Amino acid sequence: MTAPRSYPRAERVRAAIKQVLAVEVERLRDPGLGFVTITDVTLTPDLHLARAYYTVLGEPEVLAATRDALARASGHLRASVAQQVRMRYVPAIEFIEDPVPERASRVDIILAELHRDQED
């Protein structure tokens, strides 16, 4: 079985989009926006859709407000990507809450419990 093909241009575009989004999200002045960090960006093979993964600190209400704020700002953020990343077609941007930090936290809790059980 062969490994998936690597496309250097797609990787450069992905990294550039991630950088632009990280900077532009910090500049947004939406009151519903929490403390957001763009953790990753993935692109479809045709480069027509960018999935931006993010984390937010706060309660569930903050998470919901941030999700809505990012949805409202997606057009502005796409325009920023169009201005700053040289591409023939600017991908649509979809924001997805990154599940990795939550999973890592659960794993840490489980490991701490196992460690306590072994000490007892």
PDB file of N, CA and C in Angstrom:
ATOM      1  N   MET A   1       0.847  -1.168   0.000  1.00  0.00           N
ATOM      2  CA  MET A   1       0.000   0.000   0.000  1.00  0.00           C
ATOM      3  C   MET A   1       0.897   1.237   0.000  1.00  0.00           C
ATOM      4  N   THR A   2       0.578   2.195  -0.826  1.00  0.00           N
ATOM      5  CA  THR A   2       1.403   3.395  -0.932  1.00  0.00           C
ATOM      6  C   THR A   2       0.862   4.498  -0.046  1.00  0.00           C
ATOM      7  N   ALA A   3       1.764   5.372   0.353  1.00  0.00           N
ATOM      8  CA  ALA A   3       1.372   6.522   1.182  1.00  0.00           C
ATOM      9  C   ALA A   3       0.654   7.547   0.316  1.00  0.00           C
ATOM     10  N   PRO A   4      -0.209   8.371   0.919  1.00  0.00           N
ATOM     11  CA  PRO A   4      -0.879   9.413   0.142  1.00  0.00           C
ATOM     12  C   PRO A   4       0.153  10.350  -0.471  1.00  0.00           C
ATOM     13  N   ARG A   5      -0.149  10.817  -1.662  1.00  0.00           N
ATOM     14  CA  ARG A   5       0.773  11.709  -2.347  1.00  0.00           C
ATOM     15  C   ARG A   5       0.835  13.048  -1.638  1.00  0.00           C
ATOM     16  N   SER A   6       2.022  13.594  -1.610  1.00  0.00           N
ATOM     17  CA  SER A   6       2.235  14.897  -0.994  1.00  0.00           C
ATOM     18  C   SER A   6       2.352  15.932  -2.097  1.00  0.00           C
ATOM     19  N   TYR A   7       1.645  17.020  -1.951  1.00  0.00           N
ATOM     20  CA  TYR A   7       1.673  18.088  -2.943  1.00  0.00           C
ATOM     21  C   TYR A   7       2.242  19.335  -2.283  1.00  0.00           C
ATOM     22  N   PRO A   8       3.480  19.697  -2.625  1.00  0.00           N
ATOM     23  CA  PRO A   8       4.121  20.851  -1.970  1.00  0.00           C
ATOM     24  C   PRO A   8       3.315  22.137  -2.106  1.00  0.00           C
ATOM     25  N   ARG A   9       2.702  22.384  -3.259  1.00  0.00           N
ATOM     26  CA  ARG A   9       1.923  23.612  -3.436  1.00  0.00           C
ATOM     27  C   ARG A   9       0.730  23.626  -2.488  1.00  0.00           C
ATOM     28  N   ALA A  10       0.033  22.511  -2.394  1.00  0.00           N
ATOM     29  CA  ALA A  10      -1.129  22.434  -1.500  1.00  0.00           C
ATOM     30  C   ALA A  10      -0.708  22.665  -0.054  1.00  0.00           C
ATOM     31  N   GLU A  11       0.444  22.154   0.332  1.00  0.00           N
ATOM     32  CA  GLU A  11       0.933  22.352   1.694  1.00  0.00           C
ATOM     33  C   GLU A  11       1.275  23.821   1.934  1.00  0.00           C
ATOM     34  N   ARG A  12       1.887  24.475   0.953  1.00  0.00           N
ATOM     35  CA  ARG A  12       2.201  25.904   1.091  1.00  0.00           C
ATOM     36  C   ARG A  12       0.919  26.725   1.200  1.00  0.00           C
ATOM     37  N   VAL A  13      -0.071  26.399   0.389  1.00  0.00           N
ATOM     38  CA  VAL A  13      -1.354  27.117   0.429  1.00  0.00           C
ATOM     39  C   VAL A  13      -2.029  26.898   1.776  1.00  0.00           C
ATOM     40  N   ARG A  14      -2.014  25.663   2.261  1.00  0.00           N
ATOM     41  CA  ARG A  14      -2.624  25.340   3.549  1.00  0.00           C
ATOM     42  C   ARG A  14      -1.970  26.145   4.672  1.00  0.00           C
ATOM     43  N   ALA A  15      -0.649  26.176   4.678  1.00  0.00           N
ATOM     44  CA  ALA A  15       0.076  26.914   5.722  1.00  0.00           C
ATOM     45  C   ALA A  15      -0.196  28.415   5.619  1.00  0.00           C
ATOM     46  N   ALA A  16      -0.270  28.940   4.404  1.00  0.00           N
ATOM     47  CA  ALA A  16      -0.537  30.369   4.218  1.00  0.00           C
ATOM     48  C   ALA A  16      -1.941  30.721   4.694  1.00  0.00           C
ATOM     49  N   ILE A  17      -2.911  29.893   4.369  1.00  0.00           N
ATOM     50  CA  ILE A  17      -4.291  30.141   4.808  1.00  0.00           C
ATOM     51  C   ILE A  17      -4.375  30.093   6.328  1.00  0.00           C
ATOM     52  N   LYS A  18      -3.712  29.115   6.944  1.00  0.00           N
ATOM     53  CA  LYS A  18      -3.718  29.010   8.405  1.00  0.00           C
ATOM     54  C   LYS A  18      -3.133  30.272   9.034  1.00  0.00           C
ATOM     55  N   GLN A  19      -2.043  30.761   8.484  1.00  0.00           N
ATOM     56  CA  GLN A  19      -1.400  31.971   9.008  1.00  0.00           C
ATOM     57  C   GLN A  19      -2.324  33.183   8.888  1.00  0.00           C
ATOM     58  N   VAL A  20      -2.929  33.364   7.724  1.00  0.00           N
ATOM     59  CA  VAL A  20      -3.826  34.506   7.514  1.00  0.00           C
ATOM     60  C   VAL A  20      -5.010  34.429   8.470  1.00  0.00           C
ATOM     61  N   LEU A  21      -5.616  33.255   8.589  1.00  0.00           N
ATOM     62  CA  LEU A  21      -6.770  33.107   9.478  1.00  0.00           C
ATOM     63  C   LEU A  21      -6.395  33.377  10.933  1.00  0.00           C
ATOM     64  N   ALA A  22      -5.244  32.890  11.359  1.00  0.00           N
ATOM     65  CA  ALA A  22      -4.819  33.101  12.746  1.00  0.00           C
ATOM     66  C   ALA A  22      -4.695  34.589  13.050  1.00  0.00           C
ATOM     67  N   VAL A  23      -4.119  35.333  12.135  1.00  0.00           N
ATOM     68  CA  VAL A  23      -3.938  36.777  12.348  1.00  0.00           C
ATOM     69  C   VAL A  23      -5.272  37.509  12.254  1.00  0.00           C
ATOM     70  N   GLU A  24      -6.056  37.183  11.244  1.00  0.00           N
ATOM     71  CA  GLU A  24      -7.315  37.905  11.014  1.00  0.00           C
ATOM     72  C   GLU A  24      -8.362  37.615  12.085  1.00  0.00           C
ATOM     73  N   VAL A  25      -8.380  36.414  12.622  1.00  0.00           N
ATOM     74  CA  VAL A  25      -9.340  36.099  13.692  1.00  0.00           C
ATOM     75  C   VAL A  25      -9.042  36.949  14.919  1.00  0.00           C
ATOM     76  N   GLU A  26      -7.763  37.182  15.191  1.00  0.00           N
ATOM     77  CA  GLU A  26      -7.404  38.037  16.331  1.00  0.00           C
ATOM     78  C   GLU A  26      -7.879  39.471  16.130  1.00  0.00           C
ATOM     79  N   ARG A  27      -7.978  39.911  14.892  1.00  0.00           N
ATOM     80  CA  ARG A  27      -8.384  41.286  14.585  1.00  0.00           C
ATOM     81  C   ARG A  27      -9.893  41.490  14.591  1.00  0.00           C
ATOM     82  N   LEU A  28     -10.658  40.414  14.592  1.00  0.00           N
ATOM     83  CA  LEU A  28     -12.118  40.541  14.564  1.00  0.00           C
ATOM     84  C   LEU A  28     -12.613  41.230  15.823  1.00  0.00           C
ATOM     85  N   ARG A  29     -13.606  42.073  15.658  1.00  0.00           N
ATOM     86  CA  ARG A  29     -14.165  42.831  16.792  1.00  0.00           C
ATOM     87  C   ARG A  29     -15.605  42.417  17.093  1.00  0.00           C
ATOM     88  N   ASP A  30     -15.897  41.149  16.954  1.00  0.00           N
ATOM     89  CA  ASP A  30     -17.237  40.649  17.229  1.00  0.00           C
ATOM     90  C   ASP A  30     -17.344  40.369  18.723  1.00  0.00           C
ATOM     91  N   PRO A  31     -18.351  40.940  19.405  1.00  0.00           N
ATOM     92  CA  PRO A  31     -18.476  40.729  20.852  1.00  0.00           C
ATOM     93  C   PRO A  31     -18.748  39.261  21.229  1.00  0.00           C
ATOM     94  N   GLY A  32     -19.254  38.473  20.307  1.00  0.00           N
ATOM     95  CA  GLY A  32     -19.532  37.073  20.603  1.00  0.00           C
ATOM     96  C   GLY A  32     -18.318  36.174  20.489  1.00  0.00           C
ATOM     97  N   LEU A  33     -17.228  36.719  19.995  1.00  0.00           N
ATOM     98  CA  LEU A  33     -16.033  35.919  19.758  1.00  0.00           C
ATOM     99  C   LEU A  33     -15.246  35.722  21.044  1.00  0.00           C
ATOM    100  N   GLY A  34     -15.009  34.477  21.402  1.00  0.00           N
ATOM    101  CA  GLY A  34     -14.209  34.174  22.578  1.00  0.00           C
ATOM    102  C   GLY A  34     -12.723  34.176  22.237  1.00  0.00           C
ATOM    103  N   PHE A  35     -11.916  33.639  23.153  1.00  0.00           N
ATOM    104  CA  PHE A  35     -10.478  33.532  22.930  1.00  0.00           C
ATOM    105  C   PHE A  35     -10.245  32.338  22.011  1.00  0.00           C
ATOM    106  N   VAL A  36     -10.033  32.628  20.717  1.00  0.00           N
ATOM    107  CA  VAL A  36      -9.963  31.603  19.672  1.00  0.00           C
ATOM    108  C   VAL A  36      -8.525  31.384  19.236  1.00  0.00           C
ATOM    109  N   THR A  37      -8.191  30.120  18.999  1.00  0.00           N
ATOM    110  CA  THR A  37      -6.910  29.763  18.413  1.00  0.00           C
ATOM    111  C   THR A  37      -7.176  28.864  17.213  1.00  0.00           C
ATOM    112  N   ILE A  38      -6.632  29.223  16.061  1.00  0.00           N
ATOM    113  CA  ILE A  38      -6.720  28.364  14.882  1.00  0.00           C
ATOM    114  C   ILE A  38      -5.639  27.300  15.040  1.00  0.00           C
ATOM    115  N   THR A  39      -6.057  26.033  15.126  1.00  0.00           N
ATOM    116  CA  THR A  39      -5.107  24.957  15.387  1.00  0.00           C
ATOM    117  C   THR A  39      -4.629  24.263  14.122  1.00  0.00           C
ATOM    118  N   ASP A  40      -5.453  24.243  13.099  1.00  0.00           N
ATOM    119  CA  ASP A  40      -5.061  23.562  11.863  1.00  0.00           C
ATOM    120  C   ASP A  40      -5.994  23.980  10.739  1.00  0.00           C
ATOM    121  N   VAL A  41      -5.541  23.775   9.530  1.00  0.00           N
ATOM    122  CA  VAL A  41      -6.360  23.982   8.341  1.00  0.00           C
ATOM    123  C   VAL A  41      -6.100  22.794   7.428  1.00  0.00           C
ATOM    124  N   THR A  42      -7.171  22.218   6.902  1.00  0.00           N
ATOM    125  CA  THR A  42      -7.033  21.168   5.896  1.00  0.00           C
ATOM    126  C   THR A  42      -7.722  21.645   4.631  1.00  0.00           C
ATOM    127  N   LEU A  43      -7.238  21.169   3.499  1.00  0.00           N
ATOM    128  CA  LEU A  43      -7.810  21.533   2.209  1.00  0.00           C
ATOM    129  C   LEU A  43      -8.289  20.285   1.494  1.00  0.00           C
ATOM    130  N   THR A  44      -9.378  20.418   0.758  1.00  0.00           N
ATOM    131  CA  THR A  44      -9.801  19.328  -0.101  1.00  0.00           C
ATOM    132  C   THR A  44      -8.791  19.219  -1.239  1.00  0.00           C
ATOM    133  N   PRO A  45      -8.683  18.062  -1.888  1.00  0.00           N
ATOM    134  CA  PRO A  45      -7.692  17.899  -2.963  1.00  0.00           C
ATOM    135  C   PRO A  45      -7.829  18.918  -4.098  1.00  0.00           C
ATOM    136  N   ASP A  46      -9.045  19.377  -4.365  1.00  0.00           N
ATOM    137  CA  ASP A  46      -9.227  20.370  -5.429  1.00  0.00           C
ATOM    138  C   ASP A  46      -9.014  21.811  -4.946  1.00  0.00           C
ATOM    139  N   LEU A  47      -8.672  21.985  -3.665  1.00  0.00           N
ATOM    140  CA  LEU A  47      -8.414  23.287  -3.039  1.00  0.00           C
ATOM    141  C   LEU A  47      -9.630  24.215  -3.033  1.00  0.00           C
ATOM    142  N   HIS A  48     -10.832  23.664  -3.118  1.00  0.00           N
ATOM    143  CA  HIS A  48     -12.039  24.490  -3.122  1.00  0.00           C
ATOM    144  C   HIS A  48     -12.689  24.637  -1.752  1.00  0.00           C
ATOM    145  N   LEU A  49     -12.234  23.871  -0.760  1.00  0.00           N
ATOM    146  CA  LEU A  49     -12.778  23.981   0.594  1.00  0.00           C
ATOM    147  C   LEU A  49     -11.645  23.893   1.602  1.00  0.00           C
ATOM    148  N   ALA A  50     -11.598  24.871   2.481  1.00  0.00           N
ATOM    149  CA  ALA A  50     -10.631  24.866   3.585  1.00  0.00           C
ATOM    150  C   ALA A  50     -11.413  24.645   4.871  1.00  0.00           C
ATOM    151  N   ARG A  51     -10.991  23.654   5.621  1.00  0.00           N
ATOM    152  CA  ARG A  51     -11.597  23.408   6.930  1.00  0.00           C
ATOM    153  C   ARG A  51     -10.624  23.938   7.976  1.00  0.00           C
ATOM    154  N   ALA A  52     -11.063  24.948   8.697  1.00  0.00           N
ATOM    155  CA  ALA A  52     -10.230  25.578   9.723  1.00  0.00           C
ATOM    156  C   ALA A  52     -10.660  25.053  11.084  1.00  0.00           C
ATOM    157  N   TYR A  53      -9.748  24.394  11.775  1.00  0.00           N
ATOM    158  CA  TYR A  53     -10.026  23.853  13.101  1.00  0.00           C
ATOM    159  C   TYR A  53      -9.590  24.872  14.148  1.00  0.00           C
ATOM    160  N   TYR A  54     -10.416  25.033  15.164  1.00  0.00           N
ATOM    161  CA  TYR A  54     -10.143  26.043  16.188  1.00  0.00           C
ATOM    162  C   TYR A  54     -10.477  25.519  17.569  1.00  0.00           C
ATOM    163  N   THR A  55      -9.869  26.161  18.571  1.00  0.00           N
ATOM    164  CA  THR A  55     -10.214  25.890  19.959  1.00  0.00           C
ATOM    165  C   THR A  55     -10.640  27.205  20.597  1.00  0.00           C
ATOM    166  N   VAL A  56     -11.469  27.093  21.623  1.00  0.00           N
ATOM    167  CA  VAL A  56     -11.965  28.258  22.348  1.00  0.00           C
ATOM    168  C   VAL A  56     -11.927  27.939  23.832  1.00  0.00           C
ATOM    169  N   LEU A  57     -11.477  28.903  24.611  1.00  0.00           N
ATOM    170  CA  LEU A  57     -11.520  28.750  26.066  1.00  0.00           C
ATOM    171  C   LEU A  57     -12.859  29.272  26.562  1.00  0.00           C
ATOM    172  N   GLY A  58     -13.487  28.527  27.456  1.00  0.00           N
ATOM    173  CA  GLY A  58     -14.714  29.033  28.045  1.00  0.00           C
ATOM    174  C   GLY A  58     -15.800  27.993  28.180  1.00  0.00           C
ATOM    175  N   GLU A  59     -16.913  28.479  28.654  1.00  0.00           N
ATOM    176  CA  GLU A  59     -18.090  27.663  28.899  1.00  0.00           C
ATOM    177  C   GLU A  59     -18.810  27.352  27.584  1.00  0.00           C
ATOM    178  N   PRO A  60     -19.780  26.435  27.610  1.00  0.00           N
ATOM    179  CA  PRO A  60     -20.518  26.086  26.392  1.00  0.00           C
ATOM    180  C   PRO A  60     -21.185  27.291  25.709  1.00  0.00           C
ATOM    181  N   GLU A  61     -21.614  28.288  26.500  1.00  0.00           N
ATOM    182  CA  GLU A  61     -22.236  29.476  25.902  1.00  0.00           C
ATOM    183  C   GLU A  61     -21.215  30.246  25.062  1.00  0.00           C
ATOM    184  N   VAL A  62     -19.987  30.310  25.558  1.00  0.00           N
ATOM    185  CA  VAL A  62     -18.915  30.995  24.826  1.00  0.00           C
ATOM    186  C   VAL A  62     -18.601  30.235  23.545  1.00  0.00           C
ATOM    187  N   LEU A  63     -18.591  28.907  23.628  1.00  0.00           N
ATOM    188  CA  LEU A  63     -18.326  28.090  22.446  1.00  0.00           C
ATOM    189  C   LEU A  63     -19.383  28.325  21.371  1.00  0.00           C
ATOM    190  N   ALA A  64     -20.655  28.364  21.775  1.00  0.00           N
ATOM    191  CA  ALA A  64     -21.734  28.584  20.814  1.00  0.00           C
ATOM    192  C   ALA A  64     -21.657  29.984  20.216  1.00  0.00           C
ATOM    193  N   ALA A  65     -21.391  30.987  21.038  1.00  0.00           N
ATOM    194  CA  ALA A  65     -21.278  32.364  20.543  1.00  0.00           C
ATOM    195  C   ALA A  65     -20.098  32.499  19.579  1.00  0.00           C
ATOM    196  N   THR A  66     -19.010  31.830  19.876  1.00  0.00           N
ATOM    197  CA  THR A  66     -17.837  31.881  19.007  1.00  0.00           C
ATOM    198  C   THR A  66     -18.124  31.194  17.682  1.00  0.00           C
ATOM    199  N   ARG A  67     -18.796  30.052  17.724  1.00  0.00           N
ATOM    200  CA  ARG A  67     -19.171  29.352  16.493  1.00  0.00           C
ATOM    201  C   ARG A  67     -19.994  30.267  15.592  1.00  0.00           C
ATOM    202  N   ASP A  68     -20.971  30.972  16.189  1.00  0.00           N
ATOM    203  CA  ASP A  68     -21.806  31.890  15.422  1.00  0.00           C
ATOM    204  C   ASP A  68     -20.999  33.074  14.890  1.00  0.00           C
ATOM    205  N   ALA A  69     -20.090  33.603  15.705  1.00  0.00           N
ATOM    206  CA  ALA A  69     -19.267  34.745  15.286  1.00  0.00           C
ATOM    207  C   ALA A  69     -18.363  34.365  14.119  1.00  0.00           C
ATOM    208  N   LEU A  70     -17.785  33.171  14.163  1.00  0.00           N
ATOM    209  CA  LEU A  70     -16.932  32.735  13.053  1.00  0.00           C
ATOM    210  C   LEU A  70     -17.753  32.528  11.783  1.00  0.00           C
ATOM    211  N   ALA A  71     -18.962  32.016  11.932  1.00  0.00           N
ATOM    212  CA  ALA A  71     -19.831  31.853  10.761  1.00  0.00           C
ATOM    213  C   ALA A  71     -20.158  33.218  10.142  1.00  0.00           C
ATOM    214  N   ARG A  72     -20.437  34.219  11.000  1.00  0.00           N
ATOM    215  CA  ARG A  72     -20.728  35.566  10.491  1.00  0.00           C
ATOM    216  C   ARG A  72     -19.516  36.178   9.799  1.00  0.00           C
ATOM    217  N   ALA A  73     -18.334  35.874  10.291  1.00  0.00           N
ATOM    218  CA  ALA A  73     -17.105  36.489   9.770  1.00  0.00           C
ATOM    219  C   ALA A  73     -16.489  35.709   8.615  1.00  0.00           C
ATOM    220  N   SER A  74     -17.055  34.586   8.236  1.00  0.00           N
ATOM    221  CA  SER A  74     -16.404  33.738   7.232  1.00  0.00           C
ATOM    222  C   SER A  74     -16.215  34.456   5.894  1.00  0.00           C
ATOM    223  N   GLY A  75     -17.163  35.284   5.488  1.00  0.00           N
ATOM    224  CA  GLY A  75     -17.012  36.035   4.239  1.00  0.00           C
ATOM    225  C   GLY A  75     -15.860  37.021   4.310  1.00  0.00           C
ATOM    226  N   HIS A  76     -15.781  37.732   5.423  1.00  0.00           N
ATOM    227  CA  HIS A  76     -14.678  38.688   5.624  1.00  0.00           C
ATOM    228  C   HIS A  76     -13.334  37.953   5.652  1.00  0.00           C
ATOM    229  N   LEU A  77     -13.295  36.821   6.343  1.00  0.00           N
ATOM    230  CA  LEU A  77     -12.048  36.064   6.438  1.00  0.00           C
ATOM    231  C   LEU A  77     -11.645  35.481   5.084  1.00  0.00           C
ATOM    232  N   ARG A  78     -12.617  35.051   4.312  1.00  0.00           N
ATOM    233  CA  ARG A  78     -12.315  34.552   2.956  1.00  0.00           C
ATOM    234  C   ARG A  78     -11.754  35.673   2.093  1.00  0.00           C
ATOM    235  N   ALA A  79     -12.316  36.877   2.221  1.00  0.00           N
ATOM    236  CA  ALA A  79     -11.799  38.026   1.473  1.00  0.00           C
ATOM    237  C   ALA A  79     -10.368  38.351   1.890  1.00  0.00           C
ATOM    238  N   SER A  80     -10.071  38.218   3.168  1.00  0.00           N
ATOM    239  CA  SER A  80      -8.702  38.444   3.654  1.00  0.00           C
ATOM    240  C   SER A  80      -7.739  37.424   3.064  1.00  0.00           C
ATOM    241  N   VAL A  81      -8.177  36.178   3.002  1.00  0.00           N
ATOM    242  CA  VAL A  81      -7.345  35.140   2.383  1.00  0.00           C
ATOM    243  C   VAL A  81      -7.122  35.479   0.915  1.00  0.00           C
ATOM    244  N   ALA A  82      -8.170  35.938   0.224  1.00  0.00           N
ATOM    245  CA  ALA A  82      -8.047  36.289  -1.196  1.00  0.00           C
ATOM    246  C   ALA A  82      -7.024  37.404  -1.408  1.00  0.00           C
ATOM    247  N   GLN A  83      -6.975  38.364  -0.495  1.00  0.00           N
ATOM    248  CA  GLN A  83      -6.039  39.480  -0.627  1.00  0.00           C
ATOM    249  C   GLN A  83      -4.602  39.071  -0.327  1.00  0.00           C
ATOM    250  N   GLN A  84      -4.431  38.118   0.590  1.00  0.00           N
ATOM    251  CA  GLN A  84      -3.092  37.827   1.086  1.00  0.00           C
ATOM    252  C   GLN A  84      -2.446  36.552   0.544  1.00  0.00           C
ATOM    253  N   VAL A  85      -3.247  35.657  -0.028  1.00  0.00           N
ATOM    254  CA  VAL A  85      -2.720  34.404  -0.562  1.00  0.00           C
ATOM    255  C   VAL A  85      -2.986  34.391  -2.062  1.00  0.00           C
ATOM    256  N   ARG A  86      -1.935  34.209  -2.813  1.00  0.00           N
ATOM    257  CA  ARG A  86      -2.062  34.254  -4.270  1.00  0.00           C
ATOM    258  C   ARG A  86      -2.613  32.926  -4.782  1.00  0.00           C
ATOM    259  N   MET A  87      -3.878  32.978  -5.218  1.00  0.00           N
ATOM    260  CA  MET A  87      -4.557  31.782  -5.710  1.00  0.00           C
ATOM    261  C   MET A  87      -5.515  32.183  -6.822  1.00  0.00           C
ATOM    262  N   ARG A  88      -5.737  31.266  -7.726  1.00  0.00           N
ATOM    263  CA  ARG A  88      -6.718  31.507  -8.787  1.00  0.00           C
ATOM    264  C   ARG A  88      -8.134  31.434  -8.215  1.00  0.00           C
ATOM    265  N   TYR A  89      -8.358  30.482  -7.329  1.00  0.00           N
ATOM    266  CA  TYR A  89      -9.663  30.293  -6.704  1.00  0.00           C
ATOM    267  C   TYR A  89      -9.461  30.282  -5.190  1.00  0.00           C
ATOM    268  N   VAL A  90     -10.210  31.105  -4.491  1.00  0.00           N
ATOM    269  CA  VAL A  90     -10.114  31.156  -3.032  1.00  0.00           C
ATOM    270  C   VAL A  90     -11.124  30.158  -2.465  1.00  0.00           C
ATOM    271  N   PRO A  91     -10.653  29.246  -1.622  1.00  0.00           N
ATOM    272  CA  PRO A  91     -11.565  28.223  -1.111  1.00  0.00           C
ATOM    273  C   PRO A  91     -12.606  28.787  -0.156  1.00  0.00           C
ATOM    274  N   ALA A  92     -13.737  28.120  -0.115  1.00  0.00           N
ATOM    275  CA  ALA A  92     -14.729  28.409   0.923  1.00  0.00           C
ATOM    276  C   ALA A  92     -14.105  27.972   2.244  1.00  0.00           C
ATOM    277  N   ILE A  93     -14.466  28.650   3.315  1.00  0.00           N
ATOM    278  CA  ILE A  93     -13.881  28.337   4.619  1.00  0.00           C
ATOM    279  C   ILE A  93     -14.965  27.819   5.549  1.00  0.00           C
ATOM    280  N   GLU A  94     -14.702  26.662   6.109  1.00  0.00           N
ATOM    281  CA  GLU A  94     -15.615  26.028   7.063  1.00  0.00           C
ATOM    282  C   GLU A  94     -14.881  25.946   8.399  1.00  0.00           C
ATOM    283  N   PHE A  95     -15.495  26.440   9.454  1.00  0.00           N
ATOM    284  CA  PHE A  95     -14.875  26.404  10.781  1.00  0.00           C
ATOM    285  C   PHE A  95     -15.418  25.222  11.568  1.00  0.00           C
ATOM    286  N   ILE A  96     -14.495  24.457  12.150  1.00  0.00           N
ATOM    287  CA  ILE A  96     -14.849  23.256  12.894  1.00  0.00           C
ATOM    288  C   ILE A  96     -14.123  23.300  14.233  1.00  0.00           C
ATOM    289  N   GLU A  97     -14.874  23.092  15.303  1.00  0.00           N
ATOM    290  CA  GLU A  97     -14.243  23.066  16.624  1.00  0.00           C
ATOM    291  C   GLU A  97     -13.319  21.857  16.707  1.00  0.00           C
ATOM    292  N   ASP A  98     -12.087  22.083  17.098  1.00  0.00           N
ATOM    293  CA  ASP A  98     -11.071  21.038  17.161  1.00  0.00           C
ATOM    294  C   ASP A  98     -11.334  20.135  18.360  1.00  0.00           C
ATOM    295  N   PRO A  99     -11.565  18.842  18.142  1.00  0.00           N
ATOM    296  CA  PRO A  99     -11.857  17.934  19.259  1.00  0.00           C
ATOM    297  C   PRO A  99     -10.610  17.464  20.007  1.00  0.00           C
ATOM    298  N   VAL A 100      -9.434  17.715  19.494  1.00  0.00           N
ATOM    299  CA  VAL A 100      -8.207  17.173  20.083  1.00  0.00           C
ATOM    300  C   VAL A 100      -7.975  17.645  21.521  1.00  0.00           C
ATOM    301  N   PRO A 101      -8.068  18.944  21.843  1.00  0.00           N
ATOM    302  CA  PRO A 101      -7.807  19.347  23.237  1.00  0.00           C
ATOM    303  C   PRO A 101      -8.745  18.689  24.243  1.00  0.00           C
ATOM    304  N   GLU A 102     -10.013  18.550  23.878  1.00  0.00           N
ATOM    305  CA  GLU A 102     -10.971  17.916  24.788  1.00  0.00           C
ATOM    306  C   GLU A 102     -10.621  16.445  24.993  1.00  0.00           C
ATOM    307  N   ARG A 103     -10.257  15.775  23.907  1.00  0.00           N
ATOM    308  CA  ARG A 103      -9.866  14.366  24.024  1.00  0.00           C
ATOM    309  C   ARG A 103      -8.601  14.217  24.855  1.00  0.00           C
ATOM    310  N   ALA A 104      -7.649  15.108  24.641  1.00  0.00           N
ATOM    311  CA  ALA A 104      -6.398  15.054  25.405  1.00  0.00           C
ATOM    312  C   ALA A 104      -6.672  15.268  26.884  1.00  0.00           C
ATOM    313  N   SER A 105      -7.590  16.163  27.202  1.00  0.00           N
ATOM    314  CA  SER A 105      -7.942  16.417  28.595  1.00  0.00           C
ATOM    315  C   SER A 105      -8.557  15.166  29.221  1.00  0.00           C
ATOM    316  N   ARG A 106      -9.432  14.491  28.489  1.00  0.00           N
ATOM    317  CA  ARG A 106     -10.045  13.267  29.003  1.00  0.00           C
ATOM    318  C   ARG A 106      -8.995  12.180  29.229  1.00  0.00           C
ATOM    319  N   VAL A 107      -8.044  12.069  28.304  1.00  0.00           N
ATOM    320  CA  VAL A 107      -6.976  11.078  28.450  1.00  0.00           C
ATOM    321  C   VAL A 107      -6.141  11.400  29.684  1.00  0.00           C
ATOM    322  N   ASP A 108      -5.829  12.680  29.904  1.00  0.00           N
ATOM    323  CA  ASP A 108      -5.069  13.079  31.092  1.00  0.00           C
ATOM    324  C   ASP A 108      -5.797  12.701  32.376  1.00  0.00           C
ATOM    325  N   ILE A 109      -7.103  12.926  32.396  1.00  0.00           N
ATOM    326  CA  ILE A 109      -7.897  12.588  33.584  1.00  0.00           C
ATOM    327  C   ILE A 109      -7.869  11.080  33.824  1.00  0.00           C
ATOM    328  N   ILE A 110      -8.047  10.301  32.771  1.00  0.00           N
ATOM    329  CA  ILE A 110      -8.035   8.841  32.894  1.00  0.00           C
ATOM    330  C   ILE A 110      -6.670   8.357  33.380  1.00  0.00           C
ATOM    331  N   LEU A 111      -5.606   8.917  32.811  1.00  0.00           N
ATOM    332  CA  LEU A 111      -4.263   8.515  33.236  1.00  0.00           C
ATOM    333  C   LEU A 111      -4.009   8.880  34.695  1.00  0.00           C
ATOM    334  N   ALA A 112      -4.483  10.043  35.122  1.00  0.00           N
ATOM    335  CA  ALA A 112      -4.317  10.452  36.518  1.00  0.00           C
ATOM    336  C   ALA A 112      -5.067   9.499  37.446  1.00  0.00           C
ATOM    337  N   GLU A 113      -6.280   9.079  37.049  1.00  0.00           N
ATOM    338  CA  GLU A 113      -7.051   8.140  37.858  1.00  0.00           C
ATOM    339  C   GLU A 113      -6.350   6.781  37.940  1.00  0.00           C
ATOM    340  N   LEU A 114      -5.817   6.324  36.818  1.00  0.00           N
ATOM    341  CA  LEU A 114      -5.092   5.047  36.812  1.00  0.00           C
ATOM    342  C   LEU A 114      -3.863   5.124  37.701  1.00  0.00           C
ATOM    343  N   HIS A 115      -3.187   6.245  37.643  1.00  0.00           N
ATOM    344  CA  HIS A 115      -1.998   6.426  38.467  1.00  0.00           C
ATOM    345  C   HIS A 115      -2.360   6.420  39.953  1.00  0.00           C
ATOM    346  N   ARG A 116      -3.455   7.073  40.312  1.00  0.00           N
ATOM    347  CA  ARG A 116      -3.922   7.084  41.705  1.00  0.00           C
ATOM    348  C   ARG A 116      -4.303   5.664  42.139  1.00  0.00           C
ATOM    349  N   ASP A 117      -4.970   4.914  41.261  1.00  0.00           N
ATOM    350  CA  ASP A 117      -5.373   3.544  41.600  1.00  0.00           C
ATOM    351  C   ASP A 117      -4.156   2.655  41.840  1.00  0.00           C
ATOM    352  N   GLN A 118      -3.098   2.872  41.061  1.00  0.00           N
ATOM    353  CA  GLN A 118      -1.890   2.055  41.234  1.00  0.00           C
ATOM    354  C   GLN A 118      -1.175   2.392  42.544  1.00  0.00           C
ATOM    355  N   GLU A 119      -1.274   3.640  42.984  1.00  0.00           N
ATOM    356  CA  GLU A 119      -0.635   4.049  44.240  1.00  0.00           C
ATOM    357  C   GLU A 119      -1.384   3.485  45.446  1.00  0.00           C
ATOM    358  N   ASP A 120      -2.684   3.295  45.307  1.00  0.00           N
ATOM    359  CA  ASP A 120      -3.503   2.796  46.440  1.00  0.00           C
ATOM    360  C   ASP A 120      -3.319   1.345  46.692  1.00  0.00           C
TER     361      ASP A 120
END
